[in-house]
Amino acid sequence: MGKLSELPRSFNSFSQSGALIVSDNVLQGGRVFDTSHVDLRSENMRAFYQRMANDSNLESIILPVGHGLSIGRVKESV
């Protein structure tokens, strides 16, 4: 779990343009977005989502369906 925030960096090294990256159970009952809730898992998930959101090679969204679904798509190479 400690390496979770490094995953988006490695996505680009093995994912082709248009590839989808899907994660489930991402909301953790809202703990991920409640910054007053501090634990290693929530902090790692926050870092993972921040890295995905800031990666210019990815388009990403979090859907509040069930326990949460995160979808990322590797952008087309220019």
C-alpha atoms as a PDB file:
ATOM      1  CA  MET A   1       0.000   0.000   0.000  1.00  0.00           C
ATOM      2  CA  GLY A   2       2.896   2.378   0.614  1.00  0.00           C
ATOM      3  CA  LYS A   3       3.746   2.440  -3.116  1.00  0.00           C
ATOM      4  CA  LEU A   4       0.188   3.230  -4.239  1.00  0.00           C
ATOM      5  CA  SER A   5       0.943   6.900  -4.923  1.00  0.00           C
ATOM      6  CA  GLU A   6       3.709   5.854  -7.345  1.00  0.00           C
ATOM      7  CA  LEU A   7       1.373   3.832  -9.577  1.00  0.00           C
ATOM      8  CA  PRO A   8       0.197   6.628 -11.903  1.00  0.00           C
ATOM      9  CA  ARG A   9       3.825   7.389 -12.740  1.00  0.00           C
ATOM     10  CA  SER A  10       4.293   3.808 -13.894  1.00  0.00           C
ATOM     11  CA  PHE A  11       0.996   3.701 -15.844  1.00  0.00           C
ATOM     12  CA  ASN A  12       2.543   5.622 -18.702  1.00  0.00           C
ATOM     13  CA  SER A  13       5.452   3.210 -18.968  1.00  0.00           C
ATOM     14  CA  PHE A  14       3.247   0.193 -19.717  1.00  0.00           C
ATOM     15  CA  SER A  15      -0.096   1.599 -20.919  1.00  0.00           C
ATOM     16  CA  GLN A  16      -0.957   2.357 -24.520  1.00  0.00           C
ATOM     17  CA  SER A  17      -2.902   5.430 -25.550  1.00  0.00           C
ATOM     18  CA  GLY A  18      -6.573   4.899 -24.787  1.00  0.00           C
ATOM     19  CA  ALA A  19      -5.904   2.314 -22.061  1.00  0.00           C
ATOM     20  CA  LEU A  20      -8.329   2.414 -19.109  1.00  0.00           C
ATOM     21  CA  ILE A  21      -7.202   2.223 -15.498  1.00  0.00           C
ATOM     22  CA  VAL A  22     -10.078   1.243 -13.203  1.00  0.00           C
ATOM     23  CA  SER A  23     -10.089   1.058  -9.396  1.00  0.00           C
ATOM     24  CA  ASP A  24     -12.994   0.158  -7.133  1.00  0.00           C
ATOM     25  CA  ASN A  25     -13.772   0.750  -3.448  1.00  0.00           C
ATOM     26  CA  VAL A  26     -12.096   4.148  -3.720  1.00  0.00           C
ATOM     27  CA  LEU A  27     -14.306   6.244  -1.435  1.00  0.00           C
ATOM     28  CA  GLN A  28     -13.762   4.195   1.728  1.00  0.00           C
ATOM     29  CA  GLY A  29     -16.941   5.505   3.313  1.00  0.00           C
ATOM     30  CA  GLY A  30     -15.866   9.101   2.661  1.00  0.00           C
ATOM     31  CA  ARG A  31     -12.649   8.846   4.701  1.00  0.00           C
ATOM     32  CA  VAL A  32     -10.499   9.628   1.658  1.00  0.00           C
ATOM     33  CA  PHE A  33     -12.082  13.057   1.239  1.00  0.00           C
ATOM     34  CA  ASP A  34     -12.351  13.864   4.958  1.00  0.00           C
ATOM     35  CA  THR A  35      -8.970  15.497   5.591  1.00  0.00           C
ATOM     36  CA  SER A  36      -9.534  15.332   9.341  1.00  0.00           C
ATOM     37  CA  HIS A  37      -9.379  11.527   9.021  1.00  0.00           C
ATOM     38  CA  VAL A  38      -5.684  10.673   9.119  1.00  0.00           C
ATOM     39  CA  ASP A  39      -4.478   7.125   8.572  1.00  0.00           C
ATOM     40  CA  LEU A  40      -1.929   5.568   6.228  1.00  0.00           C
ATOM     41  CA  ARG A  41      -4.472   4.042   3.842  1.00  0.00           C
ATOM     42  CA  SER A  42      -6.441   7.277   3.420  1.00  0.00           C
ATOM     43  CA  GLU A  43      -3.251   9.308   2.973  1.00  0.00           C
ATOM     44  CA  ASN A  44      -1.995   6.875   0.310  1.00  0.00           C
ATOM     45  CA  MET A  45      -5.321   6.991  -1.522  1.00  0.00           C
ATOM     46  CA  ARG A  46      -5.310  10.816  -1.435  1.00  0.00           C
ATOM     47  CA  ALA A  47      -1.796  10.843  -2.899  1.00  0.00           C
ATOM     48  CA  PHE A  48      -2.861   8.329  -5.586  1.00  0.00           C
ATOM     49  CA  TYR A  49      -5.836  10.470  -6.661  1.00  0.00           C
ATOM     50  CA  GLN A  50      -3.824  13.680  -6.565  1.00  0.00           C
ATOM     51  CA  ARG A  51      -1.150  12.123  -8.765  1.00  0.00           C
ATOM     52  CA  MET A  52      -3.788  10.882 -11.224  1.00  0.00           C
ATOM     53  CA  ALA A  53      -5.487  14.301 -11.298  1.00  0.00           C
ATOM     54  CA  ASN A  54      -2.183  16.089 -11.928  1.00  0.00           C
ATOM     55  CA  ASP A  55      -0.867  13.702 -14.587  1.00  0.00           C
ATOM     56  CA  SER A  56      -1.132  15.495 -17.935  1.00  0.00           C
ATOM     57  CA  ASN A  57      -1.120  12.119 -19.759  1.00  0.00           C
ATOM     58  CA  LEU A  58      -4.243  10.879 -17.955  1.00  0.00           C
ATOM     59  CA  GLU A  59      -7.883  11.872 -17.923  1.00  0.00           C
ATOM     60  CA  SER A  60      -9.504  10.716 -14.694  1.00  0.00           C
ATOM     61  CA  ILE A  61     -12.755  10.784 -12.786  1.00  0.00           C
ATOM     62  CA  ILE A  62     -14.121   9.360  -9.539  1.00  0.00           C
ATOM     63  CA  LEU A  63     -17.718   8.158  -9.659  1.00  0.00           C
ATOM     64  CA  PRO A  64     -19.685   7.919  -6.385  1.00  0.00           C
ATOM     65  CA  VAL A  65     -21.290   4.618  -7.363  1.00  0.00           C
ATOM     66  CA  GLY A  66     -21.499   1.997  -4.621  1.00  0.00           C
ATOM     67  CA  HIS A  67     -18.208   2.233  -2.736  1.00  0.00           C
ATOM     68  CA  GLY A  68     -16.699   4.455  -5.437  1.00  0.00           C
ATOM     69  CA  LEU A  69     -15.146   3.843  -8.830  1.00  0.00           C
ATOM     70  CA  SER A  70     -12.097   5.593 -10.257  1.00  0.00           C
ATOM     71  CA  ILE A  71     -11.536   5.569 -14.017  1.00  0.00           C
ATOM     72  CA  GLY A  72      -8.447   6.892 -15.753  1.00  0.00           C
ATOM     73  CA  ARG A  73      -7.718   6.933 -19.480  1.00  0.00           C
ATOM     74  CA  VAL A  74      -4.269   7.334 -21.007  1.00  0.00           C
ATOM     75  CA  LYS A  75      -4.469  10.222 -23.483  1.00  0.00           C
ATOM     76  CA  GLU A  76      -3.513   9.850 -27.115  1.00  0.00           C
ATOM     77  CA  SER A  77       0.135  10.656 -27.844  1.00  0.00           C
ATOM     78  CA  VAL A  78       0.678  13.890 -29.724  1.00  0.00           C
END
